[in-house]
Amino acid sequence: MKPKLIIVLVLIVITPLAIVGWLGARIVQDEQVVLEHQLRELMLGQLRAVDTVLGWSLERYEQAVLDEMRPFSLDPEELRRRSRQSPYVSQYYVLDEQGQLLFPPVGTTDDVTASERESLRRTSQIWEGGVLAGTGRVAESSGGAAAATGWHVWYWGDGIQMMLWARNGERTHAAEVNRARLLADLIADLPETDVLAPELAEGRIRLADSAGRLLYQWGSFDAGEDAQPVATLAVGPPLGAWSLHYHTSASVFGSAVTGGFLLNLAAALAVLGAAVVGLSYYFYREQSREMKEAAQRVSFVNQVSHELKTPLTNIRMYAELLERDLDEPNERSRRDLGVIISESQRLSRLIGNVLSFSRKKREALELRRKPGVVDDLLRSVLDHFRPALDAKQIEVEFKSGSGESVSVDADAVEQIVGNLISNVEKYGAEGKRMEISSRCQGDTVEITVADRGPGLPARERQRIFEPFYRVSNALTDGVGGTGMGLAISRDLARLHGGDLELTASEQGAHFRVTLECPPVDGTP
C-alpha cells in the first residue's frame, strides 16, 4: 500500500474524530457554563426562599410590637411599665408634630431613668436629624384604628439598631426593638443547624450581619472560616445590611457535566470512530481490489501488446520487402502496400506507447544508450512517415544540425519524434507544412517540431502532457488517439536528462525536445 494512501486513510479517520472531539469539548465547556449558571440560580432561589421566611418572621415581629404600642399612651409610667414587660421592645419614644421628643424628656435629669438616659445617647443622631420618618405605610390592627408606620435603621456600636414607628394623629410613637429577641425570633423560623435537608446535602447557608459576622448557619457542608460563597443575596429591608451566603464544594461545579453527559459524548465518539474506521476499511478494501484489477488489466494489455508486436513487425517487414520487390510499376498495388506499411507503423507506435506507459507504471522505464547520430534517427522517422505525410500533402522541411555521434537511446528518440510527427499528421495537417530541426551544443541535443496548424488554446498547453488527456474541441473531434503520446514523450525526454516543452508561437504548435547526449569517441 502506498504511503500517500496510508496518510489519506489516517487523515480520513483522524480528521472527523478530531473535529467532533473539539466540538464535544466546546459543548462540554458551554454545558458547564450553563449548568453552573443554573446551579447558582438554584442556590439563589434557596436564598430567596430563606429571605421570604425572614420577611414573614419580621412581619410577625412588627405586628407584635404594634399590638403592644396600642393604645398609644402619653403616660411616662405606663410607657416605662410597657418597656419593662415587653419582650420585643427595649425603649418607647413619643414625638410631637415638630419631631421633638415628648418622652423620654430631653434636658432633664430627675425625670429620666438611667436606661432612658442611655437610650437617648444611643439615638441622639435620630433626634438631631429632625423628622423621624416619612409618611410610611398604613398598618391595620384589630385593636385600633389604622396608622402610618415604618422602620428606621441606624448604626450604633457593633451593629445596626432598629426602631418601629407609628404616627397617630399629631404625635409619633416609636419603639426601639430588642435586637437579641428579634434575632432569636428570626432564627427560630430558620432550619435547625444540624438539619440534613436534601437540598443542602452538599451545601451550607450562612446569615451574616453588616460587618460580615456570622449570625446563624445550617447545612451539612463544612465550610471553612475563610471560604468564599458561590452565591450571595442581601436580606430584604429593613434588614438590608444583613446578607445570606451559600457555600458548597467546588466539586459540585467541577462534576456538573462529568456524569451522563460525558458518558453519552464518549459513546457518540466511539460510535463515530467505529463508523469512520469501518468506512475507511471498506474504501481501502475496494481501492485495493480496484488497484489489483487495474494491475491485472495493465498486465493483460502489456502481454497482448507484446504478443502483437512480433506479428506486426513481421507484417511490416514483409510489406516493405514486397514493396521493394515489385517488378511492374503497379500504382494501385504500391498505394495499397503504402497503406499497409503506414498503418502497421502507426500500430507499432501505439504499441510502443502502451509498453512504455506500462513500464513507467512498473517503474521499469529505463534507457538503453548506444552510439548514434540524432540526424540519422530523425531521417529514419521521417522516412517512415513519408507516405502518410504525402497523403495529406504536408510539406516537410528538415534542418539538420546534430550529425555527431552521441550516446543516445535510439528507440526513445524515435518514439518521441514519432509521437510529435503523428500529432502533426492528425491535428496540424491543414497547415500543409512541418518544420523539423536539430542542433547540438555540448552535451545537449535540441530538436524542434513545428507545424502551421490551428495550434492549442493557452489553457490547454500544460494539460496536454497529462496521460489520456485530449483537447475537447473541433481540433480533436473525429480524430482517434489514446492521449498517451505526449505524456510518454515527455517522460522519455526527462529520463534522457532533458524535457519536452510546448513553446510560444504565433501560428501552429511548436514543440522543443532537449536531450542530454554526451559525444562519443571524443567527437566535439
Protein backbone atom coordinates (compact mmCIF):
# COMPACT_ATOMS: atom_id res chain seq x y z
CA MET A 1 0.00 0.00 0.00
CA LYS A 2 1.41 3.38 -1.00
CA PRO A 3 2.45 5.80 1.81
CA LYS A 4 0.26 8.56 0.36
CA LEU A 5 -2.79 6.30 0.52
CA ILE A 6 -1.96 5.37 4.12
CA ILE A 7 -1.68 9.07 5.04
CA VAL A 8 -5.03 9.79 3.35
CA LEU A 9 -6.73 6.95 5.21
CA VAL A 10 -5.25 8.10 8.53
CA LEU A 11 -6.48 11.64 7.85
CA ILE A 12 -9.92 10.31 6.93
CA VAL A 13 -10.10 8.63 10.34
CA ILE A 14 -8.42 11.29 12.48
CA THR A 15 -9.89 14.46 10.96
CA PRO A 16 -13.60 13.84 11.71
CA LEU A 17 -12.76 12.43 15.15
CA ALA A 18 -10.63 15.48 15.92
CA ILE A 19 -13.37 17.85 14.72
CA VAL A 20 -16.07 16.03 16.67
CA GLY A 21 -13.80 15.85 19.73
CA TRP A 22 -13.14 19.59 19.52
CA LEU A 23 -16.85 20.30 19.10
CA GLY A 24 -17.56 17.96 22.01
CA ALA A 25 -15.06 19.82 24.19
CA ARG A 26 -16.70 23.11 23.25
CA ILE A 27 -20.12 21.67 24.04
CA VAL A 28 -18.83 20.42 27.39
CA GLN A 29 -17.46 23.88 28.19
CA ASP A 30 -20.69 25.56 27.17
CA GLU A 31 -22.72 22.98 29.06
CA GLN A 32 -20.53 23.53 32.10
CA VAL A 33 -21.17 27.28 31.98
CA VAL A 34 -24.92 26.75 31.57
CA LEU A 35 -25.09 24.24 34.39
CA GLU A 36 -23.01 26.45 36.67
CA HIS A 37 -25.39 29.31 35.95
CA GLN A 38 -28.38 27.06 36.64
CA LEU A 39 -26.81 25.81 39.86
CA ARG A 40 -26.20 29.38 41.02
CA GLU A 41 -29.78 30.26 40.16
CA LEU A 42 -30.97 27.28 42.20
CA MET A 43 -28.82 28.42 45.11
CA LEU A 44 -30.08 31.97 44.77
CA GLY A 45 -33.60 30.53 44.71
CA GLN A 46 -32.94 28.84 48.06
CA LEU A 47 -31.54 32.10 49.44
CA ARG A 48 -34.64 33.97 48.23
CA ALA A 49 -36.81 31.38 49.96
CA VAL A 50 -34.88 31.99 53.19
CA ASP A 51 -35.27 35.74 52.70
CA THR A 52 -39.01 35.25 52.33
CA VAL A 53 -39.08 33.35 55.61
CA LEU A 54 -37.16 36.20 57.28
CA GLY A 55 -39.67 38.67 55.83
CA TRP A 56 -42.62 36.75 57.24
CA SER A 57 -40.92 36.47 60.61
CA LEU A 58 -40.19 40.20 60.64
CA GLU A 59 -43.81 40.97 59.77
CA ARG A 60 -44.99 38.94 62.76
CA TYR A 61 -42.50 40.70 64.97
CA GLU A 62 -43.68 44.08 63.66
CA GLN A 63 -47.29 43.20 64.31
CA ALA A 64 -46.44 42.10 67.85
CA VAL A 65 -44.70 45.43 68.53
CA LEU A 66 -47.62 47.41 67.09
CA ASP A 67 -50.05 45.46 69.25
CA GLU A 68 -48.01 46.37 72.32
CA MET A 69 -47.84 50.04 71.34
CA ARG A 70 -51.65 50.29 71.24
CA PRO A 71 -53.42 52.01 72.75
CA PHE A 72 -50.98 54.87 72.17
CA SER A 73 -50.25 56.40 75.56
CA LEU A 74 -48.52 59.61 76.80
CA ASP A 75 -48.24 58.50 80.42
CA PRO A 76 -44.49 58.10 81.25
CA GLU A 77 -45.13 55.47 83.89
CA GLU A 78 -47.30 53.45 81.51
CA LEU A 79 -44.62 53.63 78.83
CA ARG A 80 -41.91 52.59 81.32
CA ARG A 81 -44.04 49.68 82.50
CA ARG A 82 -44.57 48.51 78.93
CA SER A 83 -40.83 48.71 78.23
CA ARG A 84 -40.05 46.60 81.31
CA GLN A 85 -42.65 43.95 80.49
CA SER A 86 -42.26 43.75 76.70
CA PRO A 87 -40.03 41.01 75.27
CA TYR A 88 -39.97 42.85 71.93
CA VAL A 89 -39.29 46.50 72.88
CA SER A 90 -36.34 47.88 74.83
CA GLN A 91 -37.48 51.53 74.85
CA TYR A 92 -40.54 53.60 73.83
CA TYR A 93 -40.42 57.13 72.40
CA VAL A 94 -43.08 59.77 71.76
CA LEU A 95 -42.60 62.82 69.48
CA ASP A 96 -44.78 65.83 68.78
CA GLU A 97 -45.73 67.02 65.33
CA GLN A 98 -42.47 69.04 65.02
CA GLY A 99 -40.43 65.92 65.73
CA GLN A 100 -39.45 66.97 69.26
CA LEU A 101 -39.23 64.31 71.92
CA LEU A 102 -42.03 64.27 74.47
CA PHE A 103 -40.85 61.02 76.05
CA PRO A 104 -38.30 60.42 77.40
CA PRO A 105 -37.94 64.10 78.24
CA VAL A 106 -34.77 65.75 76.94
CA GLY A 107 -32.78 68.22 79.08
CA THR A 108 -33.92 66.95 82.47
CA THR A 109 -32.18 64.53 84.74
CA ASP A 110 -34.63 63.94 87.58
CA ASP A 111 -37.41 62.53 85.40
CA VAL A 112 -35.16 60.30 83.26
CA THR A 113 -34.02 56.83 84.30
CA ALA A 114 -30.52 55.50 83.63
CA SER A 115 -31.75 53.20 80.86
CA GLU A 116 -33.64 56.09 79.26
CA ARG A 117 -30.56 58.27 79.50
CA GLU A 118 -28.54 55.54 77.72
CA SER A 119 -31.20 55.16 75.06
CA LEU A 120 -31.18 58.91 74.40
CA ARG A 121 -27.43 58.81 73.91
CA ARG A 122 -27.83 55.81 71.56
CA THR A 123 -30.50 57.54 69.49
CA SER A 124 -29.15 61.10 69.58
CA GLN A 125 -28.40 61.15 65.85
CA ILE A 126 -32.08 60.46 65.12
CA TRP A 127 -33.37 63.37 67.18
CA GLU A 128 -30.71 65.75 65.94
CA GLY A 129 -31.65 64.88 62.36
CA GLY A 130 -35.20 66.15 62.58
CA VAL A 131 -38.21 64.21 61.45
CA LEU A 132 -38.03 60.54 62.33
CA ALA A 133 -39.51 59.17 59.14
CA GLY A 134 -41.68 59.97 56.16
CA THR A 135 -45.27 59.11 55.56
CA GLY A 136 -44.70 55.37 55.97
CA ARG A 137 -47.41 52.87 55.16
CA VAL A 138 -50.86 52.10 56.60
CA ALA A 139 -50.95 49.22 59.09
CA GLU A 140 -54.24 47.60 60.11
CA SER A 141 -54.89 46.33 63.61
CA SER A 142 -57.93 44.63 65.10
CA GLY A 143 -57.42 46.57 68.28
CA GLY A 144 -57.26 50.13 66.94
CA ALA A 145 -57.50 52.48 64.01
CA ALA A 146 -55.22 52.48 61.04
CA ALA A 147 -51.91 54.29 61.45
CA ALA A 148 -48.92 55.17 59.22
CA THR A 149 -45.95 53.02 60.24
CA GLY A 150 -42.38 52.43 59.20
CA TRP A 151 -38.94 51.17 60.19
CA HIS A 152 -35.92 53.29 60.92
CA VAL A 153 -32.48 51.64 60.93
CA TRP A 154 -29.24 53.19 62.13
CA TYR A 155 -25.77 52.05 63.12
CA TRP A 156 -24.61 52.15 66.69
CA GLY A 157 -21.88 50.27 68.46
CA ASP A 158 -21.24 46.89 66.91
CA GLY A 159 -24.14 46.73 64.50
CA ILE A 160 -27.47 48.04 63.30
CA GLN A 161 -30.25 49.24 65.57
CA MET A 162 -33.92 49.15 64.56
CA MET A 163 -36.88 51.29 65.54
CA LEU A 164 -40.52 50.83 64.55
CA TRP A 165 -42.58 54.00 64.50
CA ALA A 166 -46.31 54.68 64.09
CA ARG A 167 -47.90 58.07 63.51
CA ASN A 168 -51.13 58.63 65.47
CA GLY A 169 -52.71 61.97 64.75
CA GLU A 170 -50.27 64.76 65.66
CA ARG A 171 -47.88 62.51 67.57
CA THR A 172 -45.41 59.82 66.52
CA HIS A 173 -44.87 56.81 68.74
CA ALA A 174 -41.70 54.77 68.29
CA ALA A 175 -40.37 51.55 69.76
CA GLU A 176 -36.71 50.54 69.75
CA VAL A 177 -36.80 46.81 69.26
CA ASN A 178 -34.97 44.29 71.37
CA ARG A 179 -32.27 43.21 68.92
CA ALA A 180 -31.50 39.96 70.71
CA ARG A 181 -35.16 38.94 70.76
CA LEU A 182 -35.57 39.94 67.12
CA LEU A 183 -32.59 37.77 66.11
CA ALA A 184 -33.91 34.88 68.21
CA ASP A 185 -37.34 35.07 66.58
CA LEU A 186 -35.82 35.22 63.12
CA ILE A 187 -33.56 32.24 63.79
CA ALA A 188 -36.45 30.29 65.26
CA ASP A 189 -38.13 30.28 61.86
CA LEU A 190 -34.96 29.05 60.08
CA PRO A 191 -33.93 25.38 59.75
CA GLU A 192 -32.02 23.72 62.55
CA THR A 193 -28.25 23.98 62.49
CA ASP A 194 -27.69 20.24 62.02
CA VAL A 195 -30.50 19.75 59.52
CA LEU A 196 -29.72 17.32 56.70
CA ALA A 197 -32.08 18.77 54.14
CA PRO A 198 -31.72 17.08 50.71
CA GLU A 199 -31.20 20.42 49.01
CA LEU A 200 -28.30 21.15 51.36
CA ALA A 201 -26.67 17.74 51.25
CA GLU A 202 -23.53 19.40 49.85
CA GLY A 203 -24.16 23.00 50.91
CA ARG A 204 -24.40 25.41 53.81
CA ILE A 205 -26.29 28.72 54.18
CA ARG A 206 -24.95 31.47 56.39
CA LEU A 207 -26.67 34.60 57.72
CA ALA A 208 -24.22 37.44 58.33
CA ASP A 209 -24.65 40.94 59.76
CA SER A 210 -23.50 44.24 58.31
CA ALA A 211 -19.91 43.63 59.49
CA GLY A 212 -19.84 40.16 57.95
CA ARG A 213 -20.06 38.43 61.31
CA LEU A 214 -21.79 35.08 61.35
CA LEU A 215 -25.26 35.22 62.92
CA TYR A 216 -26.52 31.77 62.05
CA GLN A 217 -25.78 28.87 59.67
CA TRP A 218 -27.16 25.46 58.72
CA GLY A 219 -26.42 22.71 56.21
CA SER A 220 -24.19 19.60 56.12
CA PHE A 221 -21.28 21.11 54.17
CA ASP A 222 -18.41 22.10 56.43
CA ALA A 223 -17.27 25.46 55.02
CA GLY A 224 -14.11 26.98 56.44
CA GLU A 225 -13.98 30.36 58.11
CA ASP A 226 -12.45 31.98 55.03
CA ALA A 227 -14.50 30.04 52.48
CA GLN A 228 -15.88 32.16 49.65
CA PRO A 229 -19.61 31.81 48.93
CA VAL A 230 -20.78 30.75 45.50
CA ALA A 231 -24.00 32.78 45.81
CA THR A 232 -24.85 35.85 47.92
CA LEU A 233 -28.15 37.67 48.49
CA ALA A 234 -28.90 40.78 50.54
CA VAL A 235 -31.75 40.36 53.02
CA GLY A 236 -34.84 42.42 52.27
CA PRO A 237 -35.46 45.74 54.11
CA PRO A 238 -35.29 46.78 56.82
CA LEU A 239 -32.52 44.18 57.29
CA GLY A 240 -30.81 45.18 54.06
CA ALA A 241 -27.43 45.40 55.79
CA TRP A 242 -27.57 41.65 56.50
CA SER A 243 -26.75 39.10 53.85
CA LEU A 244 -27.27 35.41 53.05
CA HIS A 245 -24.38 33.31 51.71
CA TYR A 246 -24.49 29.90 50.06
CA HIS A 247 -21.37 27.74 50.44
CA THR A 248 -20.72 24.47 48.62
CA SER A 249 -17.86 22.31 47.44
CA ALA A 250 -16.08 23.24 44.20
CA SER A 251 -16.59 19.62 43.10
CA VAL A 252 -20.30 20.35 42.70
CA PHE A 253 -19.42 22.64 39.77
CA GLY A 254 -16.48 20.57 38.57
CA SER A 255 -18.62 17.46 38.28
CA ALA A 256 -21.62 19.20 36.75
CA VAL A 257 -21.13 17.50 33.40
CA THR A 258 -18.97 14.54 34.33
CA GLY A 259 -21.90 12.15 34.58
CA GLY A 260 -24.28 11.05 31.89
CA PHE A 261 -23.41 13.86 29.51
CA LEU A 262 -19.72 12.89 29.25
CA LEU A 263 -20.70 9.22 29.04
CA ASN A 264 -23.04 9.97 26.12
CA LEU A 265 -20.37 12.09 24.43
CA ALA A 266 -17.77 9.33 24.82
CA ALA A 267 -20.25 6.78 23.45
CA ALA A 268 -21.02 9.03 20.48
CA LEU A 269 -17.31 9.47 19.76
CA ALA A 270 -16.78 5.71 20.00
CA VAL A 271 -19.66 5.01 17.59
CA LEU A 272 -18.44 7.68 15.18
CA GLY A 273 -14.89 6.36 15.38
CA ALA A 274 -16.06 2.82 14.67
CA ALA A 275 -18.14 4.06 11.74
CA VAL A 276 -15.25 6.07 10.28
CA VAL A 277 -12.81 3.19 10.72
CA GLY A 278 -15.31 0.83 9.12
CA LEU A 279 -15.85 3.14 6.16
CA SER A 280 -12.09 3.65 5.80
CA TYR A 281 -11.53 -0.11 5.79
CA TYR A 282 -14.30 -0.53 3.23
CA PHE A 283 -12.80 2.13 0.95
CA TYR A 284 -9.34 0.66 1.46
CA ARG A 285 -10.57 -2.83 0.53
CA GLU A 286 -12.43 -1.52 -2.51
CA GLN A 287 -9.48 0.60 -3.59
CA SER A 288 -7.10 -2.33 -3.15
CA ARG A 289 -9.42 -4.53 -5.17
CA GLU A 290 -9.69 -1.94 -7.93
CA MET A 291 -5.93 -1.43 -7.95
CA LYS A 292 -5.44 -5.17 -8.21
CA GLU A 293 -7.91 -5.36 -11.09
CA ALA A 294 -6.27 -2.35 -12.75
CA ALA A 295 -2.86 -4.01 -12.39
CA GLN A 296 -4.29 -7.17 -13.92
CA ARG A 297 -5.73 -5.18 -16.82
CA VAL A 298 -2.44 -3.37 -17.35
CA SER A 299 -0.62 -6.69 -17.24
CA PHE A 300 -3.09 -8.15 -19.74
CA VAL A 301 -2.69 -5.18 -22.09
CA ASN A 302 1.06 -5.41 -21.73
CA GLN A 303 1.07 -9.10 -22.56
CA VAL A 304 -1.25 -8.58 -25.52
CA SER A 305 0.89 -5.69 -26.76
CA HIS A 306 3.99 -7.89 -26.56
CA GLU A 307 2.17 -10.65 -28.43
CA LEU A 308 1.04 -8.17 -31.11
CA LYS A 309 4.45 -6.64 -31.52
CA THR A 310 6.08 -9.69 -33.15
CA PRO A 311 3.45 -10.44 -35.84
CA LEU A 312 3.08 -6.72 -36.50
CA THR A 313 6.82 -6.43 -37.06
CA ASN A 314 6.68 -9.34 -39.48
CA ILE A 315 3.73 -7.79 -41.35
CA ARG A 316 5.56 -4.50 -41.64
CA MET A 317 8.83 -6.16 -42.72
CA TYR A 318 7.23 -8.33 -45.42
CA ALA A 319 5.15 -5.41 -46.67
CA GLU A 320 8.29 -3.34 -47.11
CA LEU A 321 10.05 -6.25 -48.84
CA LEU A 322 7.07 -6.75 -51.12
CA GLU A 323 7.05 -3.05 -52.00
CA ARG A 324 10.75 -3.19 -52.84
CA ASP A 325 10.48 -6.38 -54.95
CA LEU A 326 7.53 -5.31 -57.10
CA ASP A 327 8.68 -5.71 -60.67
CA GLU A 328 5.93 -3.96 -62.51
CA PRO A 329 5.06 -0.36 -61.68
CA ASN A 330 1.55 -1.12 -60.45
CA GLU A 331 0.49 2.17 -58.87
CA ARG A 332 -2.56 0.73 -57.14
CA SER A 333 -0.58 -2.10 -55.57
CA ARG A 334 2.06 0.29 -54.35
CA ARG A 335 -0.64 2.54 -52.86
CA ASP A 336 -2.22 -0.41 -51.08
CA LEU A 337 1.13 -1.55 -49.77
CA GLY A 338 1.81 2.01 -48.61
CA VAL A 339 -1.38 1.96 -46.59
CA ILE A 340 -0.40 -1.39 -45.02
CA ILE A 341 3.06 -0.08 -44.14
CA SER A 342 1.72 3.24 -42.79
CA GLU A 343 -0.95 1.64 -40.62
CA SER A 344 1.46 -1.00 -39.34
CA GLN A 345 3.83 1.81 -38.38
CA ARG A 346 1.02 3.63 -36.64
CA LEU A 347 0.06 0.47 -34.76
CA SER A 348 3.72 -0.06 -33.84
CA ARG A 349 3.87 3.42 -32.35
CA LEU A 350 0.66 2.82 -30.42
CA ILE A 351 2.00 -0.48 -29.05
CA GLY A 352 5.28 1.23 -28.21
CA ASN A 353 3.44 3.91 -26.24
CA VAL A 354 1.40 1.29 -24.38
CA LEU A 355 4.51 -0.69 -23.47
CA SER A 356 6.37 2.45 -22.39
CA PHE A 357 3.43 3.54 -20.24
CA SER A 358 3.24 0.07 -18.69
CA ARG A 359 6.96 0.09 -17.89
CA LYS A 360 6.63 3.57 -16.35
CA LYS A 361 3.80 2.39 -14.08
CA ARG A 362 6.01 -0.52 -13.01
CA GLU A 363 8.88 1.94 -12.56
CA ALA A 364 10.81 -0.14 -15.06
CA LEU A 365 11.15 2.54 -17.74
CA GLU A 366 14.86 2.92 -18.48
CA LEU A 367 17.19 3.98 -21.30
CA ARG A 368 19.48 1.84 -23.43
CA ARG A 369 22.10 4.25 -24.66
CA LYS A 370 24.26 3.40 -27.65
CA PRO A 371 26.39 5.48 -30.00
CA GLY A 372 24.24 7.06 -32.67
CA VAL A 373 23.62 10.13 -34.81
CA VAL A 374 20.46 12.10 -33.97
CA ASP A 375 20.04 13.43 -37.51
CA ASP A 376 20.08 9.87 -38.88
CA LEU A 377 17.38 8.92 -36.38
CA LEU A 378 15.26 11.89 -37.46
CA ARG A 379 15.65 10.97 -41.16
CA SER A 380 14.61 7.39 -40.39
CA VAL A 381 11.47 8.57 -38.61
CA LEU A 382 10.63 10.94 -41.45
CA ASP A 383 11.05 8.11 -43.98
CA HIS A 384 8.58 6.01 -42.04
CA PHE A 385 6.05 8.87 -42.02
CA ARG A 386 6.67 9.90 -45.62
CA PRO A 387 3.70 8.05 -47.14
CA ALA A 388 1.25 9.36 -44.52
CA LEU A 389 2.58 12.93 -44.81
CA ASP A 390 2.49 12.84 -48.60
CA ALA A 391 -1.07 11.53 -48.49
CA LYS A 392 -2.09 14.64 -46.56
CA GLN A 393 0.12 16.92 -48.70
CA ILE A 394 2.21 18.05 -45.76
CA GLU A 395 5.46 19.62 -46.87
CA VAL A 396 8.42 18.74 -44.66
CA GLU A 397 11.44 20.96 -44.08
CA PHE A 398 14.30 19.29 -42.19
CA LYS A 399 17.27 21.33 -40.90
CA SER A 400 19.95 19.02 -39.63
CA GLY A 401 22.40 20.24 -37.03
CA SER A 402 23.31 17.20 -34.98
CA GLY A 403 25.46 14.97 -37.15
CA GLU A 404 27.92 13.97 -34.46
CA SER A 405 27.96 10.56 -32.85
CA VAL A 406 26.49 10.79 -29.37
CA SER A 407 25.37 8.45 -26.60
CA VAL A 408 21.64 8.13 -27.16
CA ASP A 409 18.71 5.74 -26.83
CA ALA A 410 17.66 5.49 -30.47
CA ASP A 411 14.31 3.84 -29.71
CA ALA A 412 13.41 6.59 -27.21
CA VAL A 413 14.29 9.39 -29.67
CA GLU A 414 12.36 7.73 -32.47
CA GLN A 415 9.35 7.27 -30.17
CA ILE A 416 9.45 10.91 -29.03
CA VAL A 417 9.78 12.36 -32.50
CA GLY A 418 7.34 9.81 -33.93
CA ASN A 419 4.65 10.90 -31.48
CA LEU A 420 5.23 14.57 -32.33
CA ILE A 421 5.07 13.94 -36.10
CA SER A 422 1.97 11.76 -35.60
CA ASN A 423 0.27 14.71 -33.86
CA VAL A 424 1.14 16.97 -36.80
CA GLU A 425 -0.36 14.40 -39.17
CA LYS A 426 -3.57 14.17 -37.11
CA TYR A 427 -4.09 17.73 -35.85
CA GLY A 428 -1.91 20.10 -37.91
CA ALA A 429 -2.42 18.79 -41.44
CA GLU A 430 -4.43 21.82 -42.54
CA GLY A 431 -1.29 23.95 -42.26
CA LYS A 432 0.33 21.81 -45.01
CA ARG A 433 3.79 22.34 -43.55
CA MET A 434 6.03 20.85 -40.88
CA GLU A 435 9.49 22.02 -39.86
CA ILE A 436 11.96 19.79 -38.03
CA SER A 437 15.37 20.97 -36.90
CA SER A 438 18.15 19.77 -34.64
CA ARG A 439 21.25 21.26 -33.12
CA CYS A 440 23.93 20.05 -30.77
CA GLN A 441 25.59 22.20 -28.12
CA GLY A 442 27.98 20.50 -25.73
CA ASP A 443 26.23 17.53 -24.16
CA THR A 444 22.75 18.77 -25.13
CA VAL A 445 20.84 18.00 -28.30
CA GLU A 446 17.80 20.13 -29.11
CA ILE A 447 15.09 19.01 -31.54
CA THR A 448 12.15 21.19 -32.61
CA VAL A 449 8.99 20.06 -34.39
CA ALA A 450 6.67 22.85 -35.60
CA ASP A 451 3.58 22.94 -37.77
CA ARG A 452 1.33 25.62 -39.23
CA GLY A 453 -1.93 24.13 -37.97
CA PRO A 454 -4.55 25.69 -35.64
CA GLY A 455 -2.34 25.40 -32.57
CA LEU A 456 -3.54 24.93 -28.99
CA PRO A 457 -5.54 27.20 -26.66
CA ALA A 458 -3.44 28.74 -23.86
CA ARG A 459 -5.45 26.96 -21.15
CA GLU A 460 -4.62 23.56 -22.67
CA ARG A 461 -0.85 23.96 -23.08
CA GLN A 462 0.06 22.20 -19.84
CA ARG A 463 -2.76 19.68 -19.65
CA ILE A 464 -1.85 18.08 -23.00
CA PHE A 465 1.06 16.40 -21.21
CA GLU A 466 -1.26 14.62 -18.77
CA PRO A 467 -1.83 10.91 -19.52
CA PHE A 468 -5.01 10.18 -21.50
CA TYR A 469 -5.93 13.86 -21.75
CA ARG A 470 -7.24 15.03 -25.09
CA VAL A 471 -8.31 18.54 -26.04
CA SER A 472 -12.10 18.53 -26.38
CA ASN A 473 -12.88 20.81 -29.29
CA ALA A 474 -13.03 20.80 -33.06
CA LEU A 475 -9.29 20.12 -33.15
CA THR A 476 -9.74 16.54 -31.93
CA ASP A 477 -13.31 15.76 -32.98
CA GLY A 478 -13.31 12.73 -35.24
CA VAL A 479 -9.58 12.12 -34.72
CA GLY A 480 -8.51 8.92 -33.00
CA GLY A 481 -5.89 8.75 -30.29
CA THR A 482 -5.20 7.48 -26.78
CA GLY A 483 -3.84 10.68 -25.24
CA MET A 484 -0.64 8.92 -24.15
CA GLY A 485 1.79 10.11 -26.83
CA LEU A 486 2.86 13.46 -25.35
CA ALA A 487 2.92 12.12 -21.77
CA ILE A 488 5.21 9.21 -22.78
CA SER A 489 7.36 11.52 -24.89
CA ARG A 490 7.91 13.94 -22.00
CA ASP A 491 8.74 11.04 -19.64
CA LEU A 492 11.28 9.68 -22.11
CA ALA A 493 12.82 13.13 -22.63
CA ARG A 494 13.14 13.73 -18.90
CA LEU A 495 14.56 10.24 -18.43
CA HIS A 496 17.08 11.30 -21.08
CA GLY A 497 18.11 14.23 -18.84
CA GLY A 498 16.12 16.82 -20.79
CA ASP A 499 12.50 17.83 -21.32
CA LEU A 500 9.67 18.26 -23.80
CA GLU A 501 8.02 21.69 -23.91
CA LEU A 502 5.40 23.49 -25.96
CA THR A 503 6.92 26.86 -26.83
CA ALA A 504 5.06 30.05 -27.65
CA SER A 505 4.35 30.63 -31.34
CA GLU A 506 2.23 32.92 -33.47
CA GLN A 507 0.84 30.01 -35.53
CA GLY A 508 0.58 26.28 -35.04
CA ALA A 509 2.18 24.17 -32.34
CA HIS A 510 5.92 24.32 -31.70
CA PHE A 511 7.47 21.57 -29.57
CA ARG A 512 11.05 21.63 -28.31
CA VAL A 513 12.85 18.48 -27.15
CA THR A 514 16.10 18.72 -25.17
CA LEU A 515 18.21 15.61 -24.51
CA GLU A 516 21.49 15.02 -22.72
CA CYS A 517 23.60 13.18 -25.26
CA PRO A 518 27.36 13.20 -24.48
CA PRO A 519 29.64 12.94 -27.54
CA VAL A 520 31.15 9.53 -28.28
CA ASP A 521 34.82 8.80 -29.07
CA GLY A 522 35.86 12.38 -28.34
CA THR A 523 33.64 13.85 -31.00
CA PRO A 524 33.13 17.57 -30.13
